[in-house]
Amino acid sequence: MRLTTLGSTAALRLTADFSPVDYEQRVRPTMLPPHVRPGFSGLQTRDHRHLLNAMRKLREDMATVAELGEPHAELIAAIRSLHDAHAYVCTRFGGDTAPSLRMAALGQQDGKGVEVVRGLARHRESLLEPSRANAHDQPRAYQRSDEDGHE
């Protein structure tokens, strides 16, 4: 899980290196139909689903995982780095003032994409804390939908 997270973090950091013009013309269109379903989200990707499933499986044993000390701390740091990179990309390309693609597709025009990313990050990271791992449910806007196969 840690290697997948580090790879995704590197990809996001690379994305942040695009110029705003290149991002709008080359990257953003790949996150819109016909390349992906409306309301693109990482929730649609196989790697993201794998990461979330692994986190869910670990949740039940997080106290035991946390006893490992450094490996647990490295996992938390890798997940946090991934979330920070995602928030940075959002901020760099307008998500600090506009809704995400997923929010816009759901008709949520008044929020900021980066706020959703940060909220989700806090929730995900809390799943890895042994004292809080079983205390949280998935945020409603991101629960599994039978229609589109999202979480």
Protein backbone atom coordinates (compact mmCIF):
# COMPACT_ATOMS: atom_id res chain seq x y z
CA MET A 1 0.00 0.00 0.00
CA ARG A 2 2.81 2.38 0.84
CA LEU A 3 4.45 1.99 -2.60
CA THR A 4 1.16 2.61 -4.42
CA THR A 5 0.65 5.71 -2.30
CA LEU A 6 4.16 6.99 -3.01
CA GLY A 7 3.68 6.42 -6.74
CA SER A 8 0.39 8.31 -6.72
CA THR A 9 2.00 11.13 -4.76
CA ALA A 10 4.78 11.39 -7.36
CA ALA A 11 2.20 11.50 -10.17
CA LEU A 12 0.30 14.30 -8.44
CA ARG A 13 3.48 16.27 -7.86
CA LEU A 14 4.35 15.87 -11.53
CA THR A 15 0.87 17.11 -12.43
CA ALA A 16 1.44 20.22 -10.33
CA ASP A 17 4.48 21.01 -12.47
CA PHE A 18 2.34 21.61 -15.55
CA SER A 19 1.77 25.23 -16.48
CA PRO A 20 -1.83 26.40 -15.97
CA VAL A 21 -2.30 26.55 -19.75
CA ASP A 22 -0.96 23.02 -20.28
CA TYR A 23 -3.03 21.74 -17.38
CA GLU A 24 -6.22 23.21 -18.87
CA GLN A 25 -5.44 22.04 -22.41
CA ARG A 26 -3.75 18.68 -21.81
CA VAL A 27 -4.51 17.32 -18.33
CA ARG A 28 -8.01 18.54 -17.44
CA PRO A 29 -9.62 17.22 -20.66
CA THR A 30 -8.50 13.69 -19.70
CA MET A 31 -10.71 13.99 -16.61
CA LEU A 32 -13.82 14.80 -18.66
CA PRO A 33 -16.12 12.75 -20.89
CA PRO A 34 -15.58 10.94 -23.20
CA HIS A 35 -12.35 9.84 -21.45
CA VAL A 36 -14.08 9.20 -18.12
CA ARG A 37 -17.59 9.28 -16.73
CA PRO A 38 -19.05 12.67 -15.72
CA GLY A 39 -17.94 13.82 -12.29
CA PHE A 40 -14.50 12.26 -12.53
CA SER A 41 -12.99 11.35 -9.21
CA GLY A 42 -10.15 9.18 -8.04
CA LEU A 43 -12.95 7.01 -6.71
CA GLN A 44 -13.36 5.75 -10.28
CA THR A 45 -9.83 4.40 -10.52
CA ARG A 46 -8.75 0.85 -9.72
CA ASP A 47 -5.71 1.98 -7.68
CA HIS A 48 -7.81 4.28 -5.52
CA ARG A 49 -10.37 1.54 -4.87
CA HIS A 50 -7.54 -0.83 -3.96
CA LEU A 51 -6.09 1.71 -1.51
CA LEU A 52 -9.47 2.30 0.16
CA ASN A 53 -10.20 -1.42 0.38
CA ALA A 54 -6.80 -2.03 1.98
CA MET A 55 -7.44 0.78 4.46
CA ARG A 56 -10.82 -0.71 5.34
CA LYS A 57 -9.28 -4.12 5.91
CA LEU A 58 -6.57 -2.63 8.07
CA ARG A 59 -9.06 -0.61 10.10
CA GLU A 60 -10.08 -3.63 12.15
CA ASP A 61 -6.45 -4.40 13.02
CA MET A 62 -5.13 -0.85 13.27
CA ALA A 63 -4.20 -1.15 16.94
CA THR A 64 -1.97 -4.11 16.06
CA VAL A 65 -0.52 -2.28 13.04
CA ALA A 66 0.16 0.79 15.16
CA GLU A 67 2.17 -1.37 17.58
CA LEU A 68 4.67 -1.83 14.75
CA GLY A 69 5.75 1.76 15.38
CA GLU A 70 7.85 3.04 12.50
CA PRO A 71 6.06 1.14 9.69
CA HIS A 72 2.73 2.53 10.91
CA ALA A 73 4.19 6.04 11.09
CA GLU A 74 5.59 5.63 7.57
CA LEU A 75 2.18 4.55 6.29
CA ILE A 76 0.51 7.58 7.88
CA ALA A 77 3.21 9.86 6.43
CA ALA A 78 2.78 8.34 2.94
CA ILE A 79 -1.01 8.79 3.03
CA ARG A 80 -0.64 12.35 4.35
CA SER A 81 1.88 13.17 1.61
CA LEU A 82 -0.57 11.85 -1.00
CA HIS A 83 -3.38 13.99 0.37
CA ASP A 84 -1.14 17.06 0.58
CA ALA A 85 -0.09 16.57 -3.06
CA HIS A 86 -3.72 16.24 -4.14
CA ALA A 87 -4.70 19.40 -2.25
CA TYR A 88 -1.74 21.22 -3.81
CA VAL A 89 -2.80 20.27 -7.35
CA CYS A 90 -6.35 21.42 -6.56
CA THR A 91 -5.11 24.72 -5.20
CA ARG A 92 -2.68 25.28 -8.04
CA PHE A 93 -5.34 24.83 -10.71
CA GLY A 94 -8.39 26.58 -9.26
CA GLY A 95 -9.83 24.09 -6.77
CA ASP A 96 -9.30 26.63 -4.00
CA THR A 97 -12.03 28.79 -5.55
CA ALA A 98 -14.17 26.35 -7.55
CA PRO A 99 -15.87 23.00 -7.00
CA SER A 100 -14.21 19.74 -8.04
CA LEU A 101 -15.40 17.91 -11.15
CA ARG A 102 -17.29 15.48 -8.91
CA MET A 103 -18.92 18.27 -6.90
CA ALA A 104 -19.97 20.06 -10.09
CA ALA A 105 -21.45 16.82 -11.49
CA LEU A 106 -23.45 16.43 -8.25
CA GLY A 107 -24.73 20.01 -8.59
CA GLN A 108 -22.65 21.31 -5.67
CA GLN A 109 -21.45 24.60 -7.15
CA ASP A 110 -20.94 26.56 -3.94
CA GLY A 111 -18.06 24.61 -2.39
CA LYS A 112 -14.36 24.48 -3.04
CA GLY A 113 -12.75 21.31 -4.33
CA VAL A 114 -9.70 21.64 -2.10
CA GLU A 115 -11.93 21.79 1.00
CA VAL A 116 -13.49 18.46 0.03
CA VAL A 117 -10.05 16.95 -0.61
CA ARG A 118 -8.82 18.11 2.80
CA GLY A 119 -11.95 16.85 4.56
CA LEU A 120 -11.64 13.48 2.89
CA ALA A 121 -7.96 13.41 3.81
CA ARG A 122 -8.74 13.98 7.48
CA HIS A 123 -11.33 11.22 7.37
CA ARG A 124 -9.04 8.74 5.59
CA GLU A 125 -6.13 9.47 7.90
CA SER A 126 -8.36 8.98 10.94
CA LEU A 127 -9.10 5.45 9.71
CA LEU A 128 -5.44 4.66 10.29
CA GLU A 129 -5.39 5.89 13.88
CA PRO A 130 -6.06 2.98 16.25
CA SER A 131 -8.13 4.99 18.71
CA ARG A 132 -10.42 6.37 16.00
CA ALA A 133 -10.37 3.67 13.32
CA ASN A 134 -13.83 2.29 14.01
CA ALA A 135 -15.47 5.58 14.97
CA HIS A 136 -16.09 6.96 11.47
CA ASP A 137 -18.40 6.20 8.62
CA GLN A 138 -17.70 7.17 5.03
CA PRO A 139 -18.80 10.76 4.22
CA ARG A 140 -22.25 10.54 2.58
CA ALA A 141 -21.26 12.24 -0.71
CA TYR A 142 -18.71 9.50 -1.29
CA GLN A 143 -20.68 6.38 -0.37
CA ARG A 144 -20.96 3.58 -2.92
CA SER A 145 -23.48 4.20 -5.62
CA ASP A 146 -24.96 1.18 -7.38
CA GLU A 147 -25.38 3.26 -10.52
CA ASP A 148 -21.77 4.26 -11.10
CA GLY A 149 -19.76 1.85 -8.97
CA HIS A 150 -18.20 4.63 -6.90
CA GLU A 151 -17.41 4.19 -3.29
